[in-house]
Amino acid sequence: MIETWYNCDKRSKKEITELLHKSERTIRREIKRGKVIVKGYLWEDLEEYSARIAQGKYEYKMTGKGPSLKLDQDINLVKQIEKEIVENKKSPKIIVVELNENMEKDFMINLKQ
């Protein structure tokens, strides 16, 4: 949609903002992310928006965030760990040792020091 409106219909960023009910800053960032230089009919350089390029850049940047946390998959474990830290004043290292003794799966902890 943005590609057609911006490249073919020559709509302004403000018009696209109103059509999509998004903030103007969001549209400006999206257009900047997908901006490419193409050759025109008379071999002049033209700036256009490419949704494919924008999506590719977005997906590439998402790889820098790393995988999702495994703790997010087990809410009961998260609550148990929080309880041990807050109520019983145990360190995360102690909790990992205890969990490894009591459960089938091995837990690893990576603490920044």
PDB file of N, CA and C in Angstrom:
ATOM      1  N   MET A   1       0.808  -1.186   0.000  1.00  0.00           N
ATOM      2  CA  MET A   1       0.000   0.000   0.000  1.00  0.00           C
ATOM      3  C   MET A   1       0.860   1.263   0.000  1.00  0.00           C
ATOM      4  N   ILE A   2       1.821   1.284   0.929  1.00  0.00           N
ATOM      5  CA  ILE A   2       2.693   2.460   0.999  1.00  0.00           C
ATOM      6  C   ILE A   2       3.449   2.602  -0.313  1.00  0.00           C
ATOM      7  N   GLU A   3       3.890   1.472  -0.853  1.00  0.00           N
ATOM      8  CA  GLU A   3       4.663   1.485  -2.091  1.00  0.00           C
ATOM      9  C   GLU A   3       3.872   2.133  -3.231  1.00  0.00           C
ATOM     10  N   THR A   4       2.636   1.751  -3.388  1.00  0.00           N
ATOM     11  CA  THR A   4       1.797   2.307  -4.451  1.00  0.00           C
ATOM     12  C   THR A   4       1.501   3.775  -4.209  1.00  0.00           C
ATOM     13  N   TRP A   5       1.105   4.090  -2.994  1.00  0.00           N
ATOM     14  CA  TRP A   5       0.751   5.471  -2.688  1.00  0.00           C
ATOM     15  C   TRP A   5       1.949   6.403  -2.820  1.00  0.00           C
ATOM     16  N   TYR A   6       3.117   5.956  -2.357  1.00  0.00           N
ATOM     17  CA  TYR A   6       4.298   6.817  -2.363  1.00  0.00           C
ATOM     18  C   TYR A   6       4.914   6.913  -3.758  1.00  0.00           C
ATOM     19  N   ASN A   7       5.067   5.770  -4.455  1.00  0.00           N
ATOM     20  CA  ASN A   7       5.759   5.760  -5.750  1.00  0.00           C
ATOM     21  C   ASN A   7       4.857   6.162  -6.923  1.00  0.00           C
ATOM     22  N   CYS A   8       3.688   5.573  -7.028  1.00  0.00           N
ATOM     23  CA  CYS A   8       2.820   5.792  -8.195  1.00  0.00           C
ATOM     24  C   CYS A   8       1.899   7.001  -8.028  1.00  0.00           C
ATOM     25  N   ASP A   9       1.198   7.034  -6.892  1.00  0.00           N
ATOM     26  CA  ASP A   9       0.228   8.103  -6.674  1.00  0.00           C
ATOM     27  C   ASP A   9       0.881   9.399  -6.199  1.00  0.00           C
ATOM     28  N   LYS A  10       2.155   9.316  -5.821  1.00  0.00           N
ATOM     29  CA  LYS A  10       2.916  10.481  -5.342  1.00  0.00           C
ATOM     30  C   LYS A  10       2.234  11.171  -4.154  1.00  0.00           C
ATOM     31  N   ARG A  11       1.659  10.365  -3.279  1.00  0.00           N
ATOM     32  CA  ARG A  11       1.026  10.935  -2.085  1.00  0.00           C
ATOM     33  C   ARG A  11       2.101  11.331  -1.076  1.00  0.00           C
ATOM     34  N   SER A  12       1.806  12.327  -0.290  1.00  0.00           N
ATOM     35  CA  SER A  12       2.759  12.786   0.721  1.00  0.00           C
ATOM     36  C   SER A  12       2.741  11.819   1.908  1.00  0.00           C
ATOM     37  N   LYS A  13       3.757  11.924   2.723  1.00  0.00           N
ATOM     38  CA  LYS A  13       3.832  11.086   3.920  1.00  0.00           C
ATOM     39  C   LYS A  13       2.664  11.380   4.855  1.00  0.00           C
ATOM     40  N   LYS A  14       2.260  12.624   4.900  1.00  0.00           N
ATOM     41  CA  LYS A  14       1.135  13.004   5.758  1.00  0.00           C
ATOM     42  C   LYS A  14      -0.165  12.353   5.291  1.00  0.00           C
ATOM     43  N   GLU A  15      -0.381  12.309   3.974  1.00  0.00           N
ATOM     44  CA  GLU A  15      -1.585  11.648   3.436  1.00  0.00           C
ATOM     45  C   GLU A  15      -1.572  10.157   3.742  1.00  0.00           C
ATOM     46  N   ILE A  16      -0.415   9.532   3.591  1.00  0.00           N
ATOM     47  CA  ILE A  16      -0.301   8.096   3.881  1.00  0.00           C
ATOM     48  C   ILE A  16      -0.569   7.847   5.363  1.00  0.00           C
ATOM     49  N   THR A  17      -0.070   8.750   6.195  1.00  0.00           N
ATOM     50  CA  THR A  17      -0.319   8.672   7.636  1.00  0.00           C
ATOM     51  C   THR A  17      -1.810   8.654   7.937  1.00  0.00           C
ATOM     52  N   GLU A  18      -2.538   9.537   7.318  1.00  0.00           N
ATOM     53  CA  GLU A  18      -3.981   9.628   7.555  1.00  0.00           C
ATOM     54  C   GLU A  18      -4.712   8.403   7.023  1.00  0.00           C
ATOM     55  N   LEU A  19      -4.273   7.883   5.882  1.00  0.00           N
ATOM     56  CA  LEU A  19      -4.922   6.705   5.306  1.00  0.00           C
ATOM     57  C   LEU A  19      -4.714   5.451   6.165  1.00  0.00           C
ATOM     58  N   LEU A  20      -3.538   5.322   6.760  1.00  0.00           N
ATOM     59  CA  LEU A  20      -3.217   4.126   7.546  1.00  0.00           C
ATOM     60  C   LEU A  20      -3.479   4.292   9.043  1.00  0.00           C
ATOM     61  N   HIS A  21      -3.808   5.506   9.460  1.00  0.00           N
ATOM     62  CA  HIS A  21      -4.050   5.802  10.881  1.00  0.00           C
ATOM     63  C   HIS A  21      -2.824   5.441  11.721  1.00  0.00           C
ATOM     64  N   LYS A  22      -1.651   5.840  11.239  1.00  0.00           N
ATOM     65  CA  LYS A  22      -0.395   5.631  11.945  1.00  0.00           C
ATOM     66  C   LYS A  22       0.247   6.997  12.173  1.00  0.00           C
ATOM     67  N   SER A  23       1.252   7.027  13.050  1.00  0.00           N
ATOM     68  CA  SER A  23       1.922   8.308  13.283  1.00  0.00           C
ATOM     69  C   SER A  23       2.798   8.649  12.084  1.00  0.00           C
ATOM     70  N   GLU A  24       3.008   9.932  11.899  1.00  0.00           N
ATOM     71  CA  GLU A  24       3.816  10.382  10.774  1.00  0.00           C
ATOM     72  C   GLU A  24       5.254   9.899  10.919  1.00  0.00           C
ATOM     73  N   ARG A  25       5.742   9.852  12.127  1.00  0.00           N
ATOM     74  CA  ARG A  25       7.109   9.379  12.373  1.00  0.00           C
ATOM     75  C   ARG A  25       7.269   7.918  11.937  1.00  0.00           C
ATOM     76  N   THR A  26       6.262   7.098  12.196  1.00  0.00           N
ATOM     77  CA  THR A  26       6.303   5.689  11.800  1.00  0.00           C
ATOM     78  C   THR A  26       6.403   5.561  10.286  1.00  0.00           C
ATOM     79  N   ILE A  27       5.628   6.336   9.576  1.00  0.00           N
ATOM     80  CA  ILE A  27       5.638   6.289   8.109  1.00  0.00           C
ATOM     81  C   ILE A  27       6.971   6.798   7.578  1.00  0.00           C
ATOM     82  N   ARG A  28       7.496   7.865   8.179  1.00  0.00           N
ATOM     83  CA  ARG A  28       8.790   8.384   7.728  1.00  0.00           C
ATOM     84  C   ARG A  28       9.897   7.354   7.923  1.00  0.00           C
ATOM     85  N   ARG A  29       9.884   6.665   9.066  1.00  0.00           N
ATOM     86  CA  ARG A  29      10.893   5.630   9.317  1.00  0.00           C
ATOM     87  C   ARG A  29      10.766   4.486   8.312  1.00  0.00           C
ATOM     88  N   GLU A  30       9.535   4.072   8.056  1.00  0.00           N
ATOM     89  CA  GLU A  30       9.301   2.968   7.114  1.00  0.00           C
ATOM     90  C   GLU A  30       9.779   3.334   5.717  1.00  0.00           C
ATOM     91  N   ILE A  31       9.484   4.532   5.270  1.00  0.00           N
ATOM     92  CA  ILE A  31       9.909   4.967   3.935  1.00  0.00           C
ATOM     93  C   ILE A  31      11.431   5.086   3.886  1.00  0.00           C
ATOM     94  N   LYS A  32      12.029   5.592   4.940  1.00  0.00           N
ATOM     95  CA  LYS A  32      13.489   5.695   4.980  1.00  0.00           C
ATOM     96  C   LYS A  32      14.130   4.313   4.924  1.00  0.00           C
ATOM     97  N   ARG A  33      13.547   3.349   5.635  1.00  0.00           N
ATOM     98  CA  ARG A  33      14.069   1.991   5.663  1.00  0.00           C
ATOM     99  C   ARG A  33      14.024   1.343   4.283  1.00  0.00           C
ATOM    100  N   GLY A  34      12.999   1.647   3.497  1.00  0.00           N
ATOM    101  CA  GLY A  34      12.826   1.001   2.203  1.00  0.00           C
ATOM    102  C   GLY A  34      13.211   1.844   1.007  1.00  0.00           C
ATOM    103  N   LYS A  35      13.886   2.949   1.231  1.00  0.00           N
ATOM    104  CA  LYS A  35      14.236   3.845   0.126  1.00  0.00           C
ATOM    105  C   LYS A  35      15.359   3.247  -0.719  1.00  0.00           C
ATOM    106  N   VAL A  36      15.147   3.231  -2.033  1.00  0.00           N
ATOM    107  CA  VAL A  36      16.145   2.719  -2.977  1.00  0.00           C
ATOM    108  C   VAL A  36      16.287   3.707  -4.129  1.00  0.00           C
ATOM    109  N   ILE A  37      17.422   3.622  -4.822  1.00  0.00           N
ATOM    110  CA  ILE A  37      17.662   4.454  -6.011  1.00  0.00           C
ATOM    111  C   ILE A  37      17.440   3.561  -7.233  1.00  0.00           C
ATOM    112  N   VAL A  38      16.548   3.992  -8.118  1.00  0.00           N
ATOM    113  CA  VAL A  38      16.281   3.247  -9.355  1.00  0.00           C
ATOM    114  C   VAL A  38      16.545   4.164 -10.544  1.00  0.00           C
ATOM    115  N   LYS A  39      16.787   3.545 -11.682  1.00  0.00           N
ATOM    116  CA  LYS A  39      17.007   4.320 -12.909  1.00  0.00           C
ATOM    117  C   LYS A  39      15.653   4.570 -13.578  1.00  0.00           C
ATOM    118  N   GLY A  40      15.413   5.818 -13.936  1.00  0.00           N
ATOM    119  CA  GLY A  40      14.179   6.190 -14.611  1.00  0.00           C
ATOM    120  C   GLY A  40      14.232   5.906 -16.101  1.00  0.00           C
ATOM    121  N   TYR A  41      13.198   6.305 -16.794  1.00  0.00           N
ATOM    122  CA  TYR A  41      13.065   6.086 -18.226  1.00  0.00           C
ATOM    123  C   TYR A  41      14.211   6.709 -19.013  1.00  0.00           C
ATOM    124  N   LEU A  42      14.665   7.858 -18.577  1.00  0.00           N
ATOM    125  CA  LEU A  42      15.772   8.556 -19.249  1.00  0.00           C
ATOM    126  C   LEU A  42      17.096   8.368 -18.503  1.00  0.00           C
ATOM    127  N   TRP A  43      17.213   7.280 -17.752  1.00  0.00           N
ATOM    128  CA  TRP A  43      18.399   6.913 -16.985  1.00  0.00           C
ATOM    129  C   TRP A  43      18.756   7.921 -15.898  1.00  0.00           C
ATOM    130  N   GLU A  44      17.778   8.641 -15.408  1.00  0.00           N
ATOM    131  CA  GLU A  44      18.025   9.524 -14.272  1.00  0.00           C
ATOM    132  C   GLU A  44      17.798   8.715 -12.991  1.00  0.00           C
ATOM    133  N   ASP A  45      18.472   9.104 -11.939  1.00  0.00           N
ATOM    134  CA  ASP A  45      18.307   8.430 -10.649  1.00  0.00           C
ATOM    135  C   ASP A  45      17.036   8.926  -9.963  1.00  0.00           C
ATOM    136  N   LEU A  46      16.197   7.979  -9.543  1.00  0.00           N
ATOM    137  CA  LEU A  46      14.962   8.302  -8.825  1.00  0.00           C
ATOM    138  C   LEU A  46      14.963   7.583  -7.490  1.00  0.00           C
ATOM    139  N   GLU A  47      14.474   8.260  -6.458  1.00  0.00           N
ATOM    140  CA  GLU A  47      14.306   7.627  -5.154  1.00  0.00           C
ATOM    141  C   GLU A  47      12.906   7.055  -5.081  1.00  0.00           C
ATOM    142  N   GLU A  48      12.817   5.770  -4.719  1.00  0.00           N
ATOM    143  CA  GLU A  48      11.518   5.124  -4.551  1.00  0.00           C
ATOM    144  C   GLU A  48      11.534   4.299  -3.277  1.00  0.00           C
ATOM    145  N   TYR A  49      10.341   3.949  -2.839  1.00  0.00           N
ATOM    146  CA  TYR A  49      10.174   3.095  -1.671  1.00  0.00           C
ATOM    147  C   TYR A  49       9.932   1.671  -2.148  1.00  0.00           C
ATOM    148  N   SER A  50      10.615   0.699  -1.529  1.00  0.00           N
ATOM    149  CA  SER A  50      10.414  -0.709  -1.840  1.00  0.00           C
ATOM    150  C   SER A  50      10.039  -1.444  -0.562  1.00  0.00           C
ATOM    151  N   ALA A  51       8.834  -2.000  -0.527  1.00  0.00           N
ATOM    152  CA  ALA A  51       8.372  -2.729   0.647  1.00  0.00           C
ATOM    153  C   ALA A  51       9.239  -3.966   0.883  1.00  0.00           C
ATOM    154  N   ARG A  52       9.686  -4.601  -0.183  1.00  0.00           N
ATOM    155  CA  ARG A  52      10.516  -5.797  -0.065  1.00  0.00           C
ATOM    156  C   ARG A  52      11.853  -5.462   0.605  1.00  0.00           C
ATOM    157  N   ILE A  53      12.458  -4.374   0.200  1.00  0.00           N
ATOM    158  CA  ILE A  53      13.725  -3.940   0.803  1.00  0.00           C
ATOM    159  C   ILE A  53      13.511  -3.575   2.269  1.00  0.00           C
ATOM    160  N   ALA A  54      12.448  -2.847   2.559  1.00  0.00           N
ATOM    161  CA  ALA A  54      12.151  -2.446   3.942  1.00  0.00           C
ATOM    162  C   ALA A  54      11.950  -3.672   4.823  1.00  0.00           C
ATOM    163  N   GLN A  55      11.205  -4.659   4.335  1.00  0.00           N
ATOM    164  CA  GLN A  55      10.964  -5.875   5.112  1.00  0.00           C
ATOM    165  C   GLN A  55      12.264  -6.643   5.326  1.00  0.00           C
ATOM    166  N   GLY A  56      13.101  -6.712   4.308  1.00  0.00           N
ATOM    167  CA  GLY A  56      14.386  -7.395   4.436  1.00  0.00           C
ATOM    168  C   GLY A  56      15.276  -6.749   5.478  1.00  0.00           C
ATOM    169  N   LYS A  57      15.332  -5.427   5.477  1.00  0.00           N
ATOM    170  CA  LYS A  57      16.132  -4.715   6.478  1.00  0.00           C
ATOM    171  C   LYS A  57      15.578  -4.933   7.874  1.00  0.00           C
ATOM    172  N   TYR A  58      14.247  -4.918   8.000  1.00  0.00           N
ATOM    173  CA  TYR A  58      13.602  -5.148   9.293  1.00  0.00           C
ATOM    174  C   TYR A  58      13.947  -6.537   9.823  1.00  0.00           C
ATOM    175  N   GLU A  59      13.813  -7.553   8.967  1.00  0.00           N
ATOM    176  CA  GLU A  59      14.087  -8.931   9.395  1.00  0.00           C
ATOM    177  C   GLU A  59      15.559  -9.115   9.753  1.00  0.00           C
ATOM    178  N   TYR A  60      16.451  -8.482   9.011  1.00  0.00           N
ATOM    179  CA  TYR A  60      17.873  -8.586   9.319  1.00  0.00           C
ATOM    180  C   TYR A  60      18.181  -7.983  10.690  1.00  0.00           C
ATOM    181  N   LYS A  61      17.591  -6.828  10.982  1.00  0.00           N
ATOM    182  CA  LYS A  61      17.825  -6.194  12.279  1.00  0.00           C
ATOM    183  C   LYS A  61      17.248  -7.028  13.425  1.00  0.00           C
ATOM    184  N   MET A  62      16.174  -7.750  13.156  1.00  0.00           N
ATOM    185  CA  MET A  62      15.571  -8.586  14.192  1.00  0.00           C
ATOM    186  C   MET A  62      16.490  -9.747  14.588  1.00  0.00           C
ATOM    187  N   THR A  63      17.366 -10.182  13.693  1.00  0.00           N
ATOM    188  CA  THR A  63      18.281 -11.282  14.022  1.00  0.00           C
ATOM    189  C   THR A  63      19.278 -10.869  15.096  1.00  0.00           C
ATOM    190  N   GLY A  64      19.521  -9.591  15.234  1.00  0.00           N
ATOM    191  CA  GLY A  64      20.439  -9.103  16.255  1.00  0.00           C
ATOM    192  C   GLY A  64      19.889  -9.205  17.661  1.00  0.00           C
ATOM    193  N   LYS A  65      18.613  -9.415  17.788  1.00  0.00           N
ATOM    194  CA  LYS A  65      17.993  -9.511  19.108  1.00  0.00           C
ATOM    195  C   LYS A  65      18.194 -10.880  19.737  1.00  0.00           C
ATOM    196  N   GLY A  66      18.545 -11.883  18.948  1.00  0.00           N
ATOM    197  CA  GLY A  66      18.765 -13.223  19.475  1.00  0.00           C
ATOM    198  C   GLY A  66      17.469 -13.987  19.660  1.00  0.00           C
ATOM    199  N   PRO A  67      17.586 -15.226  20.100  1.00  0.00           N
ATOM    200  CA  PRO A  67      16.396 -16.072  20.260  1.00  0.00           C
ATOM    201  C   PRO A  67      15.551 -15.628  21.453  1.00  0.00           C
ATOM    202  N   SER A  68      14.311 -16.067  21.461  1.00  0.00           N
ATOM    203  CA  SER A  68      13.434 -15.726  22.584  1.00  0.00           C
ATOM    204  C   SER A  68      13.862 -16.513  23.818  1.00  0.00           C
ATOM    205  N   LEU A  69      13.510 -16.012  24.971  1.00  0.00           N
ATOM    206  CA  LEU A  69      13.887 -16.656  26.219  1.00  0.00           C
ATOM    207  C   LEU A  69      13.102 -17.937  26.433  1.00  0.00           C
ATOM    208  N   LYS A  70      13.776 -18.963  26.911  1.00  0.00           N
ATOM    209  CA  LYS A  70      13.096 -20.221  27.185  1.00  0.00           C
ATOM    210  C   LYS A  70      12.222 -20.107  28.428  1.00  0.00           C
ATOM    211  N   LEU A  71      12.577 -19.178  29.319  1.00  0.00           N
ATOM    212  CA  LEU A  71      11.771 -18.999  30.527  1.00  0.00           C
ATOM    213  C   LEU A  71      10.357 -18.545  30.202  1.00  0.00           C
ATOM    214  N   ASP A  72      10.194 -17.850  29.090  1.00  0.00           N
ATOM    215  CA  ASP A  72       8.870 -17.353  28.716  1.00  0.00           C
ATOM    216  C   ASP A  72       7.888 -18.485  28.471  1.00  0.00           C
ATOM    217  N   GLN A  73       8.394 -19.673  28.203  1.00  0.00           N
ATOM    218  CA  GLN A  73       7.529 -20.808  27.886  1.00  0.00           C
ATOM    219  C   GLN A  73       7.001 -21.502  29.134  1.00  0.00           C
ATOM    220  N   ASP A  74       7.592 -21.266  30.306  1.00  0.00           N
ATOM    221  CA  ASP A  74       7.188 -21.956  31.533  1.00  0.00           C
ATOM    222  C   ASP A  74       6.934 -20.930  32.634  1.00  0.00           C
ATOM    223  N   ILE A  75       5.719 -20.421  32.685  1.00  0.00           N
ATOM    224  CA  ILE A  75       5.373 -19.354  33.626  1.00  0.00           C
ATOM    225  C   ILE A  75       5.451 -19.829  35.075  1.00  0.00           C
ATOM    226  N   ASN A  76       5.144 -21.108  35.323  1.00  0.00           N
ATOM    227  CA  ASN A  76       5.222 -21.636  36.695  1.00  0.00           C
ATOM    228  C   ASN A  76       6.660 -21.635  37.202  1.00  0.00           C
ATOM    229  N   LEU A  77       7.598 -21.967  36.338  1.00  0.00           N
ATOM    230  CA  LEU A  77       9.006 -21.928  36.715  1.00  0.00           C
ATOM    231  C   LEU A  77       9.441 -20.502  37.025  1.00  0.00           C
ATOM    232  N   VAL A  78       8.994 -19.552  36.229  1.00  0.00           N
ATOM    233  CA  VAL A  78       9.324 -18.142  36.460  1.00  0.00           C
ATOM    234  C   VAL A  78       8.808 -17.702  37.826  1.00  0.00           C
ATOM    235  N   LYS A  79       7.577 -18.064  38.144  1.00  0.00           N
ATOM    236  CA  LYS A  79       7.004 -17.683  39.445  1.00  0.00           C
ATOM    237  C   LYS A  79       7.773 -18.323  40.597  1.00  0.00           C
ATOM    238  N   GLN A  80       8.187 -19.580  40.409  1.00  0.00           N
ATOM    239  CA  GLN A  80       8.951 -20.276  41.444  1.00  0.00           C
ATOM    240  C   GLN A  80      10.303 -19.588  41.666  1.00  0.00           C
ATOM    241  N   ILE A  81      10.980 -19.229  40.597  1.00  0.00           N
ATOM    242  CA  ILE A  81      12.277 -18.559  40.709  1.00  0.00           C
ATOM    243  C   ILE A  81      12.117 -17.189  41.375  1.00  0.00           C
ATOM    244  N   GLU A  82      11.084 -16.429  40.975  1.00  0.00           N
ATOM    245  CA  GLU A  82      10.833 -15.127  41.595  1.00  0.00           C
ATOM    246  C   GLU A  82      10.587 -15.269  43.089  1.00  0.00           C
ATOM    247  N   LYS A  83       9.817 -16.280  43.464  1.00  0.00           N
ATOM    248  CA  LYS A  83       9.507 -16.506  44.882  1.00  0.00           C
ATOM    249  C   LYS A  83      10.788 -16.820  45.664  1.00  0.00           C
ATOM    250  N   GLU A  84      11.624 -17.661  45.088  1.00  0.00           N
ATOM    251  CA  GLU A  84      12.874 -18.021  45.762  1.00  0.00           C
ATOM    252  C   GLU A  84      13.778 -16.797  45.951  1.00  0.00           C
ATOM    253  N   ILE A  85      13.828 -15.940  44.964  1.00  0.00           N
ATOM    254  CA  ILE A  85      14.690 -14.762  45.058  1.00  0.00           C
ATOM    255  C   ILE A  85      14.126 -13.738  46.033  1.00  0.00           C
ATOM    256  N   VAL A  86      12.832 -13.435  45.907  1.00  0.00           N
ATOM    257  CA  VAL A  86      12.230 -12.367  46.705  1.00  0.00           C
ATOM    258  C   VAL A  86      11.959 -12.801  48.141  1.00  0.00           C
ATOM    259  N   GLU A  87      11.272 -13.926  48.300  1.00  0.00           N
ATOM    260  CA  GLU A  87      10.852 -14.330  49.646  1.00  0.00           C
ATOM    261  C   GLU A  87      11.952 -15.043  50.420  1.00  0.00           C
ATOM    262  N   ASN A  88      12.683 -15.924  49.742  1.00  0.00           N
ATOM    263  CA  ASN A  88      13.685 -16.725  50.444  1.00  0.00           C
ATOM    264  C   ASN A  88      15.099 -16.157  50.334  1.00  0.00           C
ATOM    265  N   LYS A  89      15.230 -15.041  49.627  1.00  0.00           N
ATOM    266  CA  LYS A  89      16.506 -14.326  49.504  1.00  0.00           C
ATOM    267  C   LYS A  89      17.645 -15.217  48.989  1.00  0.00           C
ATOM    268  N   LYS A  90      17.335 -16.092  48.040  1.00  0.00           N
ATOM    269  CA  LYS A  90      18.353 -16.972  47.469  1.00  0.00           C
ATOM    270  C   LYS A  90      18.946 -16.329  46.223  1.00  0.00           C
ATOM    271  N   SER A  91      20.200 -16.645  45.971  1.00  0.00           N
ATOM    272  CA  SER A  91      20.853 -16.130  44.767  1.00  0.00           C
ATOM    273  C   SER A  91      20.434 -16.979  43.566  1.00  0.00           C
ATOM    274  N   PRO A  92      20.479 -16.405  42.368  1.00  0.00           N
ATOM    275  CA  PRO A  92      20.133 -17.178  41.175  1.00  0.00           C
ATOM    276  C   PRO A  92      20.997 -18.423  40.997  1.00  0.00           C
ATOM    277  N   LYS A  93      22.275 -18.362  41.378  1.00  0.00           N
ATOM    278  CA  LYS A  93      23.143 -19.533  41.252  1.00  0.00           C
ATOM    279  C   LYS A  93      22.672 -20.680  42.150  1.00  0.00           C
ATOM    280  N   ILE A  94      22.274 -20.358  43.362  1.00  0.00           N
ATOM    281  CA  ILE A  94      21.764 -21.371  44.293  1.00  0.00           C
ATOM    282  C   ILE A  94      20.481 -21.989  43.746  1.00  0.00           C
ATOM    283  N   ILE A  95      19.628 -21.159  43.206  1.00  0.00           N
ATOM    284  CA  ILE A  95      18.360 -21.649  42.655  1.00  0.00           C
ATOM    285  C   ILE A  95      18.615 -22.619  41.511  1.00  0.00           C
ATOM    286  N   VAL A  96      19.578 -22.324  40.649  1.00  0.00           N
ATOM    287  CA  VAL A  96      19.897 -23.207  39.529  1.00  0.00           C
ATOM    288  C   VAL A  96      20.395 -24.556  40.034  1.00  0.00           C
ATOM    289  N   VAL A  97      21.263 -24.543  41.048  1.00  0.00           N
ATOM    290  CA  VAL A  97      21.771 -25.792  41.618  1.00  0.00           C
ATOM    291  C   VAL A  97      20.613 -26.621  42.173  1.00  0.00           C
ATOM    292  N   GLU A  98      19.719 -25.979  42.914  1.00  0.00           N
ATOM    293  CA  GLU A  98      18.574 -26.691  43.487  1.00  0.00           C
ATOM    294  C   GLU A  98      17.647 -27.233  42.403  1.00  0.00           C
ATOM    295  N   LEU A  99      17.405 -26.443  41.365  1.00  0.00           N
ATOM    296  CA  LEU A  99      16.548 -26.906  40.278  1.00  0.00           C
ATOM    297  C   LEU A  99      17.162 -28.104  39.558  1.00  0.00           C
ATOM    298  N   ASN A 100      18.472 -28.078  39.360  1.00  0.00           N
ATOM    299  CA  ASN A 100      19.143 -29.200  38.700  1.00  0.00           C
ATOM    300  C   ASN A 100      19.049 -30.473  39.538  1.00  0.00           C
ATOM    301  N   GLU A 101      19.052 -30.347  40.865  1.00  0.00           N
ATOM    302  CA  GLU A 101      18.934 -31.509  41.741  1.00  0.00           C
ATOM    303  C   GLU A 101      17.518 -32.073  41.742  1.00  0.00           C
ATOM    304  N   ASN A 102      16.511 -31.200  41.632  1.00  0.00           N
ATOM    305  CA  ASN A 102      15.116 -31.617  41.780  1.00  0.00           C
ATOM    306  C   ASN A 102      14.389 -31.937  40.478  1.00  0.00           C
ATOM    307  N   MET A 103      14.915 -31.535  39.344  1.00  0.00           N
ATOM    308  CA  MET A 103      14.186 -31.686  38.089  1.00  0.00           C
ATOM    309  C   MET A 103      14.979 -32.525  37.097  1.00  0.00           C
ATOM    310  N   GLU A 104      14.273 -32.979  36.072  1.00  0.00           N
ATOM    311  CA  GLU A 104      14.878 -33.825  35.048  1.00  0.00           C
ATOM    312  C   GLU A 104      15.793 -33.045  34.114  1.00  0.00           C
ATOM    313  N   LYS A 105      15.412 -31.840  33.767  1.00  0.00           N
ATOM    314  CA  LYS A 105      16.204 -31.078  32.817  1.00  0.00           C
ATOM    315  C   LYS A 105      17.282 -30.262  33.519  1.00  0.00           C
ATOM    316  N   ASP A 106      18.389 -30.068  32.818  1.00  0.00           N
ATOM    317  CA  ASP A 106      19.484 -29.269  33.356  1.00  0.00           C
ATOM    318  C   ASP A 106      19.248 -27.803  33.051  1.00  0.00           C
ATOM    319  N   PHE A 107      19.540 -26.970  34.023  1.00  0.00           N
ATOM    320  CA  PHE A 107      19.394 -25.526  33.860  1.00  0.00           C
ATOM    321  C   PHE A 107      20.769 -24.895  33.812  1.00  0.00           C
ATOM    322  N   MET A 108      20.885 -23.914  32.960  1.00  0.00           N
ATOM    323  CA  MET A 108      22.130 -23.149  32.882  1.00  0.00           C
ATOM    324  C   MET A 108      21.791 -21.706  33.219  1.00  0.00           C
ATOM    325  N   ILE A 109      22.738 -21.031  33.798  1.00  0.00           N
ATOM    326  CA  ILE A 109      22.528 -19.630  34.117  1.00  0.00           C
ATOM    327  C   ILE A 109      23.692 -18.834  33.557  1.00  0.00           C
ATOM    328  N   ASN A 110      23.383 -17.686  33.029  1.00  0.00           N
ATOM    329  CA  ASN A 110      24.389 -16.819  32.456  1.00  0.00           C
ATOM    330  C   ASN A 110      24.219 -15.457  33.088  1.00  0.00           C
ATOM    331  N   LEU A 111      25.008 -15.146  34.084  1.00  0.00           N
ATOM    332  CA  LEU A 111      24.900 -13.879  34.807  1.00  0.00           C
ATOM    333  C   LEU A 111      26.008 -12.946  34.372  1.00  0.00           C
ATOM    334  N   LYS A 112      25.646 -11.708  34.094  1.00  0.00           N
ATOM    335  CA  LYS A 112      26.646 -10.692  33.789  1.00  0.00           C
ATOM    336  C   LYS A 112      27.255 -10.220  35.100  1.00  0.00           C
ATOM    337  N   GLN A 113      28.564 -10.105  35.106  1.00  0.00           N
ATOM    338  CA  GLN A 113      29.216  -9.672  36.352  1.00  0.00           C
ATOM    339  C   GLN A 113      29.941  -8.386  36.157  1.00  0.00           C
TER     340      GLN A 113
END
